[in-house]
Amino acid sequence: MVRLEGRQWGLVALVALTPFFFAFVLAGAMPELVEPVLGTVLGGASWTLAALLGLVGAALFAGCLSTLSAASGAEASRTRRALDLTAASLVPVALCLIPALCLLLSGPVLALRLERGTETVREEPTRSTPQRLMEGLLSQLPRLLPAVKGLQLR
């Protein structure tokens, strides 16, 4: 593993702090989310897991960045370094940061639903015939459409 430069460690810190940043933004934008997070085990666990995923993502990013830096060498061009940085960031974003943001959003909602006792599983809609589906689609069409010549709606 190659030693990372100072600016690279700054990028690693940004990756690690991304879930914390979004947690504060969500709490500021929707203060009603803070109560289920702090008041329920499930909400708190989801945000804690999101923070841990951010730290794992930062470690993964540092490892990928050091591996790509070692492979390209010290005399790499700016374009090569930019491509290495982009390639190194795709893995932790896909594996850690996107699931962390999903946990930040879904944890409080799920905790509220379980607290209120509402069902989280939706019932499967009843199967309808193609005739009913067509009638439903036609009822959603604009009313100007019957003016088209040769089109029978009913």
C-alpha atoms as a PDB file:
ATOM      1  CA  MET A   1       0.000   0.000   0.000  1.00  0.00           C
ATOM      2  CA  VAL A   2       1.373   3.375  -1.036  1.00  0.00           C
ATOM      3  CA  ARG A   3       1.248   6.360   1.262  1.00  0.00           C
ATOM      4  CA  LEU A   4      -1.440   8.790   0.256  1.00  0.00           C
ATOM      5  CA  GLU A   5      -0.796  12.509  -0.186  1.00  0.00           C
ATOM      6  CA  GLY A   6      -2.448  15.105   1.996  1.00  0.00           C
ATOM      7  CA  ARG A   7      -5.110  16.044  -0.527  1.00  0.00           C
ATOM      8  CA  GLN A   8      -5.958  12.378  -0.997  1.00  0.00           C
ATOM      9  CA  TRP A   9      -6.545  11.996   2.738  1.00  0.00           C
ATOM     10  CA  GLY A  10      -8.868  14.977   2.498  1.00  0.00           C
ATOM     11  CA  LEU A  11     -10.906  13.136  -0.125  1.00  0.00           C
ATOM     12  CA  VAL A  12     -10.979  10.051   2.082  1.00  0.00           C
ATOM     13  CA  ALA A  13     -12.297  12.216   4.930  1.00  0.00           C
ATOM     14  CA  LEU A  14     -14.996  13.624   2.635  1.00  0.00           C
ATOM     15  CA  VAL A  15     -16.144  10.123   1.748  1.00  0.00           C
ATOM     16  CA  ALA A  16     -16.231   9.161   5.432  1.00  0.00           C
ATOM     17  CA  LEU A  17     -18.242  12.248   6.413  1.00  0.00           C
ATOM     18  CA  THR A  18     -20.801  12.052   3.589  1.00  0.00           C
ATOM     19  CA  PRO A  19     -23.439  10.126   5.614  1.00  0.00           C
ATOM     20  CA  PHE A  20     -22.970  12.507   8.566  1.00  0.00           C
ATOM     21  CA  PHE A  21     -23.445  15.493   6.270  1.00  0.00           C
ATOM     22  CA  PHE A  22     -26.634  14.082   4.766  1.00  0.00           C
ATOM     23  CA  ALA A  23     -27.928  13.173   8.228  1.00  0.00           C
ATOM     24  CA  PHE A  24     -27.570  16.802   9.320  1.00  0.00           C
ATOM     25  CA  VAL A  25     -29.147  18.045   6.093  1.00  0.00           C
ATOM     26  CA  LEU A  26     -32.099  15.672   6.541  1.00  0.00           C
ATOM     27  CA  ALA A  27     -32.480  16.651  10.185  1.00  0.00           C
ATOM     28  CA  GLY A  28     -32.433  20.336   9.261  1.00  0.00           C
ATOM     29  CA  ALA A  29     -34.821  19.978   6.353  1.00  0.00           C
ATOM     30  CA  MET A  30     -37.225  17.594   8.096  1.00  0.00           C
ATOM     31  CA  PRO A  31     -36.982  17.922  11.884  1.00  0.00           C
ATOM     32  CA  GLU A  32     -39.730  15.326  12.314  1.00  0.00           C
ATOM     33  CA  LEU A  33     -37.175  12.702  11.205  1.00  0.00           C
ATOM     34  CA  VAL A  34     -34.982  13.298  14.245  1.00  0.00           C
ATOM     35  CA  GLU A  35     -37.565  12.010  16.728  1.00  0.00           C
ATOM     36  CA  PRO A  36     -37.926   8.527  15.168  1.00  0.00           C
ATOM     37  CA  VAL A  37     -34.154   8.285  14.861  1.00  0.00           C
ATOM     38  CA  LEU A  38     -33.496   9.221  18.457  1.00  0.00           C
ATOM     39  CA  GLY A  39     -36.650   7.634  19.860  1.00  0.00           C
ATOM     40  CA  THR A  40     -36.583   4.177  18.321  1.00  0.00           C
ATOM     41  CA  VAL A  41     -34.003   1.447  18.175  1.00  0.00           C
ATOM     42  CA  LEU A  42     -34.600   0.781  14.495  1.00  0.00           C
ATOM     43  CA  GLY A  43     -34.213   4.424  13.490  1.00  0.00           C
ATOM     44  CA  GLY A  44     -31.040   4.850  15.531  1.00  0.00           C
ATOM     45  CA  ALA A  45     -29.614   1.597  14.245  1.00  0.00           C
ATOM     46  CA  SER A  46     -30.229   2.601  10.636  1.00  0.00           C
ATOM     47  CA  TRP A  47     -28.404   5.898  11.056  1.00  0.00           C
ATOM     48  CA  THR A  48     -25.578   4.230  12.991  1.00  0.00           C
ATOM     49  CA  LEU A  49     -25.210   1.634  10.262  1.00  0.00           C
ATOM     50  CA  ALA A  50     -25.189   4.431   7.672  1.00  0.00           C
ATOM     51  CA  ALA A  51     -22.341   6.131   9.558  1.00  0.00           C
ATOM     52  CA  LEU A  52     -20.413   2.855   9.719  1.00  0.00           C
ATOM     53  CA  LEU A  53     -20.952   2.336   5.998  1.00  0.00           C
ATOM     54  CA  GLY A  54     -19.436   5.774   5.438  1.00  0.00           C
ATOM     55  CA  LEU A  55     -16.333   4.773   7.388  1.00  0.00           C
ATOM     56  CA  VAL A  56     -16.061   1.465   5.515  1.00  0.00           C
ATOM     57  CA  GLY A  57     -16.467   3.363   2.253  1.00  0.00           C
ATOM     58  CA  ALA A  58     -13.638   5.702   3.235  1.00  0.00           C
ATOM     59  CA  ALA A  59     -11.332   2.770   4.034  1.00  0.00           C
ATOM     60  CA  LEU A  60     -12.250   1.136   0.735  1.00  0.00           C
ATOM     61  CA  PHE A  61     -11.647   4.404  -1.103  1.00  0.00           C
ATOM     62  CA  ALA A  62      -8.232   4.805   0.527  1.00  0.00           C
ATOM     63  CA  GLY A  63      -7.271   1.280  -0.452  1.00  0.00           C
ATOM     64  CA  CYS A  64      -8.418   1.696  -4.052  1.00  0.00           C
ATOM     65  CA  LEU A  65      -6.734   5.080  -4.325  1.00  0.00           C
ATOM     66  CA  SER A  66      -3.421   3.802  -2.997  1.00  0.00           C
ATOM     67  CA  THR A  67      -3.525   0.779  -5.294  1.00  0.00           C
ATOM     68  CA  LEU A  68      -4.207   2.908  -8.357  1.00  0.00           C
ATOM     69  CA  SER A  69      -1.562   5.454  -7.309  1.00  0.00           C
ATOM     70  CA  ALA A  70       1.020   2.688  -6.991  1.00  0.00           C
ATOM     71  CA  ALA A  71       0.089   1.274 -10.399  1.00  0.00           C
ATOM     72  CA  SER A  72       0.266   4.607 -12.225  1.00  0.00           C
ATOM     73  CA  GLY A  73       3.457   5.820 -10.535  1.00  0.00           C
ATOM     74  CA  ALA A  74       4.522   9.268  -9.389  1.00  0.00           C
ATOM     75  CA  GLU A  75       4.975  10.680 -12.905  1.00  0.00           C
ATOM     76  CA  ALA A  76       1.358  10.182 -14.015  1.00  0.00           C
ATOM     77  CA  SER A  77      -0.326  12.856 -16.078  1.00  0.00           C
ATOM     78  CA  ARG A  78      -3.222  14.929 -14.795  1.00  0.00           C
ATOM     79  CA  THR A  79      -5.640  13.001 -16.979  1.00  0.00           C
ATOM     80  CA  ARG A  80      -4.396   9.680 -15.643  1.00  0.00           C
ATOM     81  CA  ARG A  81      -4.734  10.891 -12.040  1.00  0.00           C
ATOM     82  CA  ALA A  82      -8.266  12.147 -12.711  1.00  0.00           C
ATOM     83  CA  LEU A  83      -9.256   8.814 -14.221  1.00  0.00           C
ATOM     84  CA  ASP A  84      -7.683   6.958 -11.285  1.00  0.00           C
ATOM     85  CA  LEU A  85      -9.601   9.141  -8.841  1.00  0.00           C
ATOM     86  CA  THR A  86     -12.863   8.529 -10.683  1.00  0.00           C
ATOM     87  CA  ALA A  87     -12.280   4.785 -10.828  1.00  0.00           C
ATOM     88  CA  ALA A  88     -11.342   4.657  -7.147  1.00  0.00           C
ATOM     89  CA  SER A  89     -14.473   6.569  -6.144  1.00  0.00           C
ATOM     90  CA  LEU A  90     -16.952   4.397  -8.040  1.00  0.00           C
ATOM     91  CA  VAL A  91     -16.476   1.345  -5.815  1.00  0.00           C
ATOM     92  CA  PRO A  92     -17.157   2.953  -2.404  1.00  0.00           C
ATOM     93  CA  VAL A  93     -19.981   5.070  -3.776  1.00  0.00           C
ATOM     94  CA  ALA A  94     -21.755   2.041  -5.225  1.00  0.00           C
ATOM     95  CA  LEU A  95     -21.064  -0.338  -2.331  1.00  0.00           C
ATOM     96  CA  CYS A  96     -21.234   1.960   0.698  1.00  0.00           C
ATOM     97  CA  LEU A  97     -22.512   5.491   0.168  1.00  0.00           C
ATOM     98  CA  ILE A  98     -25.669   4.767  -1.812  1.00  0.00           C
ATOM     99  CA  PRO A  99     -26.815   2.089   0.684  1.00  0.00           C
ATOM    100  CA  ALA A 100     -25.947   4.480   3.530  1.00  0.00           C
ATOM    101  CA  LEU A 101     -28.150   7.202   2.063  1.00  0.00           C
ATOM    102  CA  CYS A 102     -30.950   4.687   1.559  1.00  0.00           C
ATOM    103  CA  LEU A 103     -30.665   3.729   5.228  1.00  0.00           C
ATOM    104  CA  LEU A 104     -30.780   7.385   6.252  1.00  0.00           C
ATOM    105  CA  LEU A 105     -34.041   7.801   4.389  1.00  0.00           C
ATOM    106  CA  SER A 106     -35.764   4.491   5.022  1.00  0.00           C
ATOM    107  CA  GLY A 107     -34.832   3.901   8.669  1.00  0.00           C
ATOM    108  CA  PRO A 108     -36.976   6.652  10.223  1.00  0.00           C
ATOM    109  CA  VAL A 109     -39.896   5.950   7.903  1.00  0.00           C
ATOM    110  CA  LEU A 110     -39.864   2.251   8.716  1.00  0.00           C
ATOM    111  CA  ALA A 111     -39.525   3.014  12.436  1.00  0.00           C
ATOM    112  CA  LEU A 112     -42.547   5.326  12.301  1.00  0.00           C
ATOM    113  CA  ARG A 113     -44.624   2.744  10.440  1.00  0.00           C
ATOM    114  CA  LEU A 114     -43.769   0.032  12.938  1.00  0.00           C
ATOM    115  CA  GLU A 115     -44.434   2.372  15.851  1.00  0.00           C
ATOM    116  CA  ARG A 116     -47.858   3.338  14.520  1.00  0.00           C
ATOM    117  CA  GLY A 117     -48.685  -0.258  13.694  1.00  0.00           C
ATOM    118  CA  THR A 118     -49.399   0.290  10.026  1.00  0.00           C
ATOM    119  CA  GLU A 119     -48.542  -2.459   7.623  1.00  0.00           C
ATOM    120  CA  THR A 120     -45.383  -2.097   5.601  1.00  0.00           C
ATOM    121  CA  VAL A 121     -46.288  -4.820   3.124  1.00  0.00           C
ATOM    122  CA  ARG A 122     -48.686  -3.747   0.433  1.00  0.00           C
ATOM    123  CA  GLU A 123     -51.398  -6.077  -0.649  1.00  0.00           C
ATOM    124  CA  GLU A 124     -51.142  -7.378  -4.170  1.00  0.00           C
ATOM    125  CA  PRO A 125     -53.651  -5.620  -6.404  1.00  0.00           C
ATOM    126  CA  THR A 126     -56.412  -7.733  -7.823  1.00  0.00           C
ATOM    127  CA  ARG A 127     -55.826  -9.012 -11.287  1.00  0.00           C
ATOM    128  CA  SER A 128     -57.880  -7.320 -13.886  1.00  0.00           C
ATOM    129  CA  THR A 129     -58.726  -8.249 -17.393  1.00  0.00           C
ATOM    130  CA  PRO A 130     -57.175  -6.469 -20.358  1.00  0.00           C
ATOM    131  CA  GLN A 131     -60.587  -4.881 -20.945  1.00  0.00           C
ATOM    132  CA  ARG A 132     -60.500  -3.199 -17.495  1.00  0.00           C
ATOM    133  CA  LEU A 133     -56.919  -2.100 -17.982  1.00  0.00           C
ATOM    134  CA  MET A 134     -57.782  -0.520 -21.322  1.00  0.00           C
ATOM    135  CA  GLU A 135     -60.792   1.252 -19.826  1.00  0.00           C
ATOM    136  CA  GLY A 136     -58.613   2.604 -17.030  1.00  0.00           C
ATOM    137  CA  LEU A 137     -56.004   3.859 -19.463  1.00  0.00           C
ATOM    138  CA  LEU A 138     -58.629   5.452 -21.682  1.00  0.00           C
ATOM    139  CA  SER A 139     -60.187   7.252 -18.740  1.00  0.00           C
ATOM    140  CA  GLN A 140     -56.820   8.864 -18.057  1.00  0.00           C
ATOM    141  CA  LEU A 141     -56.423  10.218 -21.578  1.00  0.00           C
ATOM    142  CA  PRO A 142     -57.161  13.881 -22.185  1.00  0.00           C
ATOM    143  CA  ARG A 143     -60.684  14.730 -23.235  1.00  0.00           C
ATOM    144  CA  LEU A 144     -59.474  16.254 -26.524  1.00  0.00           C
ATOM    145  CA  LEU A 145     -58.516  12.851 -27.836  1.00  0.00           C
ATOM    146  CA  PRO A 146     -62.085  11.852 -28.879  1.00  0.00           C
ATOM    147  CA  ALA A 147     -61.920  14.622 -31.455  1.00  0.00           C
ATOM    148  CA  VAL A 148     -59.432  12.508 -33.426  1.00  0.00           C
ATOM    149  CA  LYS A 149     -61.297  11.040 -36.389  1.00  0.00           C
ATOM    150  CA  GLY A 150     -61.579   7.293 -36.643  1.00  0.00           C
ATOM    151  CA  LEU A 151     -60.769   6.571 -32.977  1.00  0.00           C
ATOM    152  CA  GLN A 152     -63.472   4.802 -31.025  1.00  0.00           C
ATOM    153  CA  LEU A 153     -63.041   5.157 -27.314  1.00  0.00           C
ATOM    154  CA  ARG A 154     -66.182   3.466 -26.106  1.00  0.00           C
END
